[in-house]
Amino acid sequence: MSLPYEAGEPEKQRKSKEPEEPWRPEDSGSSPPGPDEDLPLRRGRVHIAARQRGVDATALGHLALHLPHLVGSLGVVFVLSYLVDVLSGLPWWLPFGCWVLSGILVFHRPSERLLARLLLRLRYPSPEEAKKLKPVWQEVAGRAGVDATAYQLWIENSDEINALAAAGHIVSVTSHSMRALTPAQLGGVLAHELAHHTRGHAWTSLLAFWYALPARQAWRLLLRLASRVEHLSAGATTLVVVVTVAVVIALATATYGLILLPLATPYLVAAVSRRSELRADEHAAHLGFAAQLLAVLRKEHDREETTRAAAAAAGVPITEEGAILRLLDSHPDVHTRMHHLQAYLERKR
């Protein structure tokens, strides 16, 4: 499909027979803008690729790592559905089937709007914000070969420079980002978030969270109940520990250690998430926004350094994250992202 437009505004759409390659910086015949320059909006025809979405290795890995949670959630929902059947006569397969099919709501536009407003606390852009945001978004989507109208833009009231890709069609930026970033830098941030959609990161993350929720809630309930049990005697405690260890060893042997996978899942999920962030940065760089995104990260780095210096001047102790906590971070640190983008720019010279 191809989309002709003038100054970033679409006029009409028509289908193409073959998928088109996404735009590359060299396609325009001029060098991409610097990080502090305005984003030039190309005139002429924008080629929209026939395939709008995909699923990369990090998205598939995220789903695979949540399979044990999915199995646990299926068991929890089945038990609850069976109890409903016994107590009310409602067929067990009805609530069970509704929960299984509920993941479709990830791509249901009215449900997405409820998610954006009620859970994510987002709002529609003001006329002034939309005047700046929409042309930049259309330029970013056009470079990627994506239909810009397939996504809905939102604003988060926040004093931080940040953005978000969620569900199937939600793209949001913070109000501070709208004020502090140039159009070119805003384009880099939006290109990063678009990558989370086109590579499948956004919807797989939400789907994994949703289908893992019953198992997680059941586990938390069990821990809460266990905390209220009266303290056992020394002999009873020893017996419980021995039996528990024996059962765990037996299950680990029978399942070739897969029963222990949920213990490592948080660390593996965080590692996959960090990798997906770097892939989104790479996608933005391929669209010509490496320098702009690097400038945004430098602003974030400077903000962190200013905050650290202010805390040191005030005598406030600065607590560094330990290695274990860093392994649970879902985002790579700013230095790592800057290093990868700088390496990309040097390769392109």
Protein backbone atom coordinates (compact mmCIF):
# COMPACT_ATOMS: atom_id res chain seq x y z
CA MET A 1 0.00 0.00 0.00
CA SER A 2 1.29 3.48 -0.71
CA LEU A 3 0.26 6.70 0.93
CA PRO A 4 0.80 10.04 -0.86
CA TYR A 5 0.92 13.12 1.33
CA GLU A 6 2.05 16.73 1.37
CA ALA A 7 4.03 18.13 4.30
CA GLY A 8 3.32 15.01 6.33
CA GLU A 9 -0.49 15.03 5.90
CA PRO A 10 -2.04 11.91 4.24
CA GLU A 11 -4.47 12.39 1.33
CA LYS A 12 -5.41 8.87 0.15
CA GLN A 13 -4.24 5.28 0.30
CA ARG A 14 -3.98 2.53 -2.31
CA LYS A 15 -2.76 -1.06 -2.09
CA SER A 16 0.47 -2.23 -3.67
CA LYS A 17 1.12 -5.73 -4.93
CA GLU A 18 4.49 -6.17 -3.26
CA PRO A 19 5.78 -5.11 0.17
CA GLU A 20 7.93 -2.01 0.10
CA GLU A 21 11.26 -1.65 1.87
CA PRO A 22 11.28 0.81 4.80
CA TRP A 23 12.86 4.20 4.23
CA ARG A 24 16.57 4.57 4.85
CA PRO A 25 18.44 7.85 5.50
CA GLU A 26 20.20 7.65 2.15
CA ASP A 27 16.86 7.42 0.27
CA SER A 28 16.13 11.12 0.67
CA GLY A 29 19.33 12.19 -1.10
CA SER A 30 20.45 14.28 1.88
CA SER A 31 21.98 13.60 5.26
CA PRO A 32 19.61 13.17 8.20
CA PRO A 33 19.17 16.14 10.52
CA GLY A 34 21.38 16.69 13.52
CA PRO A 35 20.05 16.04 17.01
CA ASP A 36 19.17 19.71 17.56
CA GLU A 37 17.72 20.42 14.12
CA ASP A 38 14.07 20.39 13.13
CA LEU A 39 12.80 17.23 11.52
CA PRO A 40 12.28 17.78 7.77
CA LEU A 41 8.98 16.35 6.53
CA ARG A 42 9.39 14.71 3.15
CA ARG A 43 6.99 15.56 0.35
CA GLY A 44 5.76 12.96 -2.09
CA ARG A 45 4.71 9.35 -1.90
CA VAL A 46 5.19 7.25 1.21
CA HIS A 47 5.38 3.50 0.64
CA ILE A 48 3.48 1.47 3.20
CA ALA A 49 4.74 -2.10 3.58
CA ALA A 50 2.21 -4.90 3.11
CA ARG A 51 3.41 -6.50 6.34
CA GLN A 52 2.90 -4.05 9.18
CA ARG A 53 3.90 -6.22 12.15
CA GLY A 54 6.25 -9.00 13.01
CA VAL A 55 7.51 -10.95 16.00
CA ASP A 56 11.24 -11.03 16.67
CA ALA A 57 13.27 -13.41 18.82
CA THR A 58 12.95 -11.30 21.96
CA ALA A 59 9.15 -11.22 21.70
CA LEU A 60 9.01 -15.00 21.20
CA GLY A 61 11.43 -15.48 24.07
CA HIS A 62 9.23 -13.37 26.33
CA LEU A 63 6.23 -15.58 25.55
CA ALA A 64 8.22 -18.79 25.99
CA LEU A 65 9.52 -17.75 29.40
CA HIS A 66 5.96 -17.22 30.61
CA LEU A 67 4.73 -20.68 29.60
CA PRO A 68 5.07 -22.04 33.19
CA HIS A 69 2.95 -19.12 34.42
CA LEU A 70 0.41 -19.83 31.68
CA VAL A 71 0.14 -23.46 32.73
CA GLY A 72 -0.33 -22.39 36.35
CA SER A 73 -2.96 -19.83 35.36
CA LEU A 74 -4.84 -22.44 33.33
CA GLY A 75 -4.96 -24.64 36.42
CA VAL A 76 -6.14 -21.81 38.68
CA VAL A 77 -8.85 -20.65 36.28
CA PHE A 78 -10.00 -24.23 35.68
CA VAL A 79 -10.38 -24.86 39.41
CA LEU A 80 -12.31 -21.61 39.88
CA SER A 81 -14.51 -22.36 36.86
CA TYR A 82 -15.24 -25.83 38.20
CA LEU A 83 -16.21 -24.39 41.60
CA VAL A 84 -18.55 -21.96 39.84
CA ASP A 85 -20.07 -24.92 37.99
CA VAL A 86 -20.60 -26.84 41.24
CA LEU A 87 -22.01 -23.89 43.19
CA SER A 88 -24.12 -22.18 40.53
CA GLY A 89 -24.66 -24.70 37.77
CA LEU A 90 -23.02 -22.45 35.19
CA PRO A 91 -21.05 -24.69 32.77
CA TRP A 92 -17.38 -24.62 33.72
CA TRP A 93 -16.25 -24.21 30.14
CA LEU A 94 -18.06 -20.87 29.82
CA PRO A 95 -15.95 -18.77 32.27
CA PHE A 96 -12.88 -20.82 31.38
CA GLY A 97 -13.33 -20.19 27.67
CA CYS A 98 -14.03 -16.48 28.22
CA TRP A 99 -10.74 -16.12 30.08
CA VAL A 100 -8.81 -18.01 27.39
CA LEU A 101 -10.25 -15.74 24.67
CA SER A 102 -9.84 -12.55 26.71
CA GLY A 103 -6.37 -11.97 25.27
CA ILE A 104 -8.01 -10.80 22.05
CA LEU A 105 -8.89 -7.58 23.88
CA VAL A 106 -5.23 -6.55 23.49
CA PHE A 107 -6.12 -5.50 19.94
CA HIS A 108 -9.68 -4.29 20.69
CA ARG A 109 -9.68 -0.51 20.25
CA PRO A 110 -12.37 0.35 22.89
CA SER A 111 -10.61 -1.89 25.40
CA GLU A 112 -7.31 -0.21 24.58
CA ARG A 113 -8.82 3.19 25.25
CA LEU A 114 -10.03 1.99 28.66
CA LEU A 115 -6.56 0.59 29.35
CA ALA A 116 -4.94 3.88 28.36
CA ARG A 117 -7.26 6.04 30.47
CA LEU A 118 -7.91 3.95 33.56
CA LEU A 119 -4.75 1.88 34.06
CA LEU A 120 -2.00 3.82 32.26
CA ARG A 121 -3.43 7.24 33.21
CA LEU A 122 -2.99 8.67 29.72
CA ARG A 123 -4.90 11.48 28.02
CA TYR A 124 -5.51 12.74 24.51
CA PRO A 125 -3.04 15.34 23.19
CA SER A 126 -4.10 18.97 23.43
CA PRO A 127 -4.47 20.86 20.10
CA GLU A 128 -1.02 22.41 20.59
CA GLU A 129 0.54 19.04 21.41
CA ALA A 130 -1.18 17.36 18.48
CA LYS A 131 0.12 20.06 16.12
CA LYS A 132 3.69 19.10 17.06
CA LEU A 133 3.21 15.38 17.62
CA LYS A 134 1.19 14.20 14.62
CA PRO A 135 3.49 15.42 11.80
CA VAL A 136 6.49 13.89 13.56
CA TRP A 137 4.65 10.60 14.05
CA GLN A 138 3.60 10.53 10.38
CA GLU A 139 7.20 11.09 9.32
CA VAL A 140 8.47 8.30 11.59
CA ALA A 141 5.76 5.88 10.45
CA GLY A 142 6.39 6.78 6.81
CA ARG A 143 10.09 6.02 7.12
CA ALA A 144 9.24 2.64 8.66
CA GLY A 145 6.67 1.81 5.99
CA VAL A 146 3.87 1.77 8.57
CA ASP A 147 0.39 3.26 8.35
CA ALA A 148 0.45 6.10 10.90
CA THR A 149 -3.33 6.03 11.34
CA ALA A 150 -3.18 2.45 12.67
CA TYR A 151 -1.96 3.76 16.04
CA GLN A 152 -3.41 6.19 18.56
CA LEU A 153 -1.26 8.86 20.18
CA TRP A 154 -1.56 9.64 23.89
CA ILE A 155 0.08 11.94 26.44
CA GLU A 156 1.22 11.05 29.95
CA ASN A 157 1.41 13.88 32.45
CA SER A 158 4.94 13.49 33.77
CA ASP A 159 8.04 15.58 34.45
CA GLU A 160 10.33 12.96 32.91
CA ILE A 161 11.47 12.35 29.34
CA ASN A 162 9.82 9.06 28.54
CA ALA A 163 7.50 7.28 26.13
CA LEU A 164 5.43 4.09 26.05
CA ALA A 165 4.20 1.48 23.59
CA ALA A 166 1.40 -0.70 24.94
CA ALA A 167 -1.25 -3.18 23.83
CA GLY A 168 -1.78 -3.27 20.07
CA HIS A 169 -2.01 0.39 19.09
CA ILE A 170 -1.07 2.66 22.02
CA VAL A 171 1.85 5.08 21.64
CA SER A 172 2.35 7.74 24.31
CA VAL A 173 4.94 10.36 25.23
CA THR A 174 5.21 12.41 28.39
CA SER A 175 4.15 16.04 28.54
CA HIS A 176 7.70 16.98 29.50
CA SER A 177 9.03 15.26 26.38
CA MET A 178 6.69 17.39 24.29
CA ARG A 179 8.15 20.54 25.87
CA ALA A 180 11.81 19.58 26.15
CA LEU A 181 12.54 17.71 22.91
CA THR A 182 13.00 19.10 19.44
CA PRO A 183 10.88 17.53 16.66
CA ALA A 184 13.91 15.52 15.50
CA GLN A 185 14.57 14.20 19.03
CA LEU A 186 10.88 13.47 19.50
CA GLY A 187 11.05 11.51 16.25
CA GLY A 188 13.84 9.37 17.69
CA VAL A 189 11.77 8.57 20.77
CA LEU A 190 8.70 7.74 18.68
CA ALA A 191 10.77 5.55 16.33
CA HIS A 192 11.93 3.57 19.36
CA GLU A 193 8.35 3.03 20.53
CA LEU A 194 7.17 2.12 17.02
CA ALA A 195 9.77 -0.64 16.99
CA HIS A 196 8.19 -2.17 20.10
CA HIS A 197 4.95 -2.47 18.12
CA THR A 198 6.30 -3.62 14.78
CA ARG A 199 8.61 -6.20 16.40
CA GLY A 200 5.86 -7.57 18.67
CA HIS A 201 7.33 -6.44 22.00
CA ALA A 202 4.29 -4.44 23.15
CA TRP A 203 1.49 -6.93 22.64
CA THR A 204 3.49 -9.99 23.75
CA SER A 205 4.46 -8.26 27.01
CA LEU A 206 0.87 -7.34 27.80
CA LEU A 207 -0.39 -10.79 26.79
CA ALA A 208 2.20 -12.53 28.98
CA PHE A 209 1.31 -10.29 31.92
CA TRP A 210 -2.42 -10.92 31.52
CA TYR A 211 -2.26 -14.70 31.23
CA ALA A 212 0.25 -14.96 34.09
CA LEU A 213 -1.93 -12.88 36.42
CA PRO A 214 -4.12 -15.70 37.90
CA ALA A 215 -1.07 -17.82 38.77
CA ARG A 216 0.71 -14.85 40.35
CA GLN A 217 -2.34 -13.87 42.40
CA ALA A 218 -2.82 -17.47 43.57
CA TRP A 219 0.85 -17.64 44.63
CA ARG A 220 0.56 -14.38 46.56
CA LEU A 221 -2.57 -15.67 48.28
CA LEU A 222 -0.78 -18.87 49.30
CA LEU A 223 2.12 -16.88 50.73
CA ARG A 224 -0.28 -14.68 52.67
CA LEU A 225 -2.06 -17.70 54.11
CA ALA A 226 1.24 -19.35 54.99
CA SER A 227 2.33 -16.24 56.87
CA ARG A 228 -0.72 -16.53 59.14
CA VAL A 229 -0.09 -20.14 60.13
CA GLU A 230 0.98 -20.53 63.73
CA HIS A 231 4.67 -21.23 64.31
CA LEU A 232 5.45 -24.94 64.27
CA SER A 233 7.56 -26.79 66.77
CA ALA A 234 11.19 -27.55 65.95
CA GLY A 235 10.39 -31.17 65.11
CA ALA A 236 7.45 -30.27 62.89
CA THR A 237 9.50 -27.59 61.14
CA THR A 238 12.30 -30.09 60.44
CA LEU A 239 9.79 -32.59 59.06
CA VAL A 240 8.20 -30.00 56.76
CA VAL A 241 11.60 -28.89 55.47
CA VAL A 242 12.73 -32.48 54.78
CA VAL A 243 9.49 -33.37 53.00
CA THR A 244 9.57 -30.16 50.95
CA VAL A 245 13.18 -30.72 49.87
CA ALA A 246 12.43 -34.34 48.96
CA VAL A 247 9.42 -33.34 46.87
CA VAL A 248 11.37 -30.60 45.07
CA ILE A 249 14.25 -32.97 44.29
CA ALA A 250 11.85 -35.62 43.01
CA LEU A 251 10.00 -33.15 40.79
CA ALA A 252 13.24 -31.61 39.52
CA THR A 253 14.55 -35.05 38.60
CA ALA A 254 11.32 -36.07 36.89
CA THR A 255 11.09 -32.84 34.88
CA TYR A 256 14.82 -32.52 34.12
CA GLY A 257 14.98 -29.36 36.22
CA LEU A 258 12.13 -27.56 34.44
CA ILE A 259 10.24 -27.26 37.72
CA LEU A 260 12.95 -24.81 38.86
CA LEU A 261 12.57 -22.60 35.80
CA PRO A 262 10.08 -20.19 37.47
CA LEU A 263 12.82 -19.29 39.99
CA ALA A 264 15.03 -18.00 37.17
CA THR A 265 12.18 -16.58 35.06
CA PRO A 266 12.30 -13.00 36.49
CA TYR A 267 16.00 -12.72 35.62
CA LEU A 268 15.57 -14.25 32.17
CA VAL A 269 12.57 -12.03 31.40
CA ALA A 270 14.52 -8.94 32.47
CA ALA A 271 17.44 -9.97 30.22
CA VAL A 272 15.11 -10.46 27.25
CA SER A 273 13.46 -7.11 27.97
CA ARG A 274 16.83 -5.34 28.02
CA ARG A 275 17.66 -6.92 24.69
CA SER A 276 14.35 -5.77 23.21
CA GLU A 277 15.16 -2.19 24.24
CA LEU A 278 18.48 -2.34 22.41
CA ARG A 279 16.72 -3.76 19.35
CA ALA A 280 14.23 -0.91 19.44
CA ASP A 281 17.14 1.56 19.57
CA GLU A 282 18.67 -0.21 16.57
CA HIS A 283 15.38 0.06 14.68
CA ALA A 284 15.23 3.80 15.36
CA ALA A 285 18.84 4.13 14.21
CA HIS A 286 18.05 2.34 10.93
CA LEU A 287 15.33 4.93 10.32
CA GLY A 288 17.87 7.74 10.63
CA PHE A 289 17.32 8.71 14.26
CA ALA A 290 20.53 7.42 15.87
CA ALA A 291 21.97 10.88 16.57
CA GLN A 292 18.62 12.22 17.81
CA LEU A 293 18.03 9.30 20.17
CA LEU A 294 21.60 9.56 21.39
CA ALA A 295 21.00 13.24 22.20
CA VAL A 296 17.90 12.30 24.24
CA LEU A 297 19.87 9.69 26.18
CA ARG A 298 22.58 12.26 26.88
CA LYS A 299 19.93 14.55 28.35
CA GLU A 300 18.81 11.70 30.58
CA HIS A 301 22.42 11.01 31.54
CA ASP A 302 22.99 14.66 32.41
CA ARG A 303 19.80 14.69 34.49
CA GLU A 304 20.98 11.64 36.44
CA GLU A 305 24.38 13.23 37.03
CA THR A 306 22.76 16.49 38.19
CA THR A 307 20.51 14.61 40.59
CA ARG A 308 23.46 12.65 41.92
CA ALA A 309 25.54 15.82 42.41
CA ALA A 310 22.66 17.58 44.18
CA ALA A 311 22.20 14.62 46.51
CA ALA A 312 25.94 14.56 47.28
CA ALA A 313 25.96 18.31 47.97
CA ALA A 314 23.03 17.91 50.34
CA GLY A 315 24.75 15.08 52.16
CA VAL A 316 22.14 12.54 51.13
CA PRO A 317 23.68 9.06 50.90
CA ILE A 318 23.49 7.52 47.43
CA THR A 319 22.60 3.85 47.40
CA GLU A 320 24.00 1.91 44.47
CA GLU A 321 22.03 -1.03 43.10
CA GLY A 322 23.57 -4.40 43.76
CA ALA A 323 24.41 -6.86 41.00
CA ILE A 324 21.30 -8.96 41.71
CA LEU A 325 18.98 -5.96 41.49
CA ARG A 326 20.61 -4.83 38.26
CA LEU A 327 19.87 -8.24 36.77
CA LEU A 328 16.18 -7.55 37.39
CA ASP A 329 16.20 -4.22 35.50
CA SER A 330 13.92 -4.35 32.46
CA HIS A 331 15.86 -1.53 30.74
CA PRO A 332 19.58 -1.37 30.02
CA ASP A 333 21.42 1.50 31.67
CA VAL A 334 21.85 4.75 29.77
CA HIS A 335 25.57 4.15 29.19
CA THR A 336 24.90 0.83 27.46
CA ARG A 337 22.31 2.33 25.14
CA MET A 338 24.56 5.28 24.34
CA HIS A 339 27.46 2.91 23.62
CA HIS A 340 25.42 0.91 21.08
CA LEU A 341 24.09 4.01 19.32
CA GLN A 342 27.55 5.60 19.17
CA ALA A 343 28.94 2.39 17.70
CA TYR A 344 26.18 2.44 15.07
CA LEU A 345 27.02 6.02 14.10
CA GLU A 346 30.72 5.20 13.81
CA ARG A 347 29.99 2.24 11.54
CA LYS A 348 27.95 4.49 9.25
CA ARG A 349 30.71 7.06 8.84
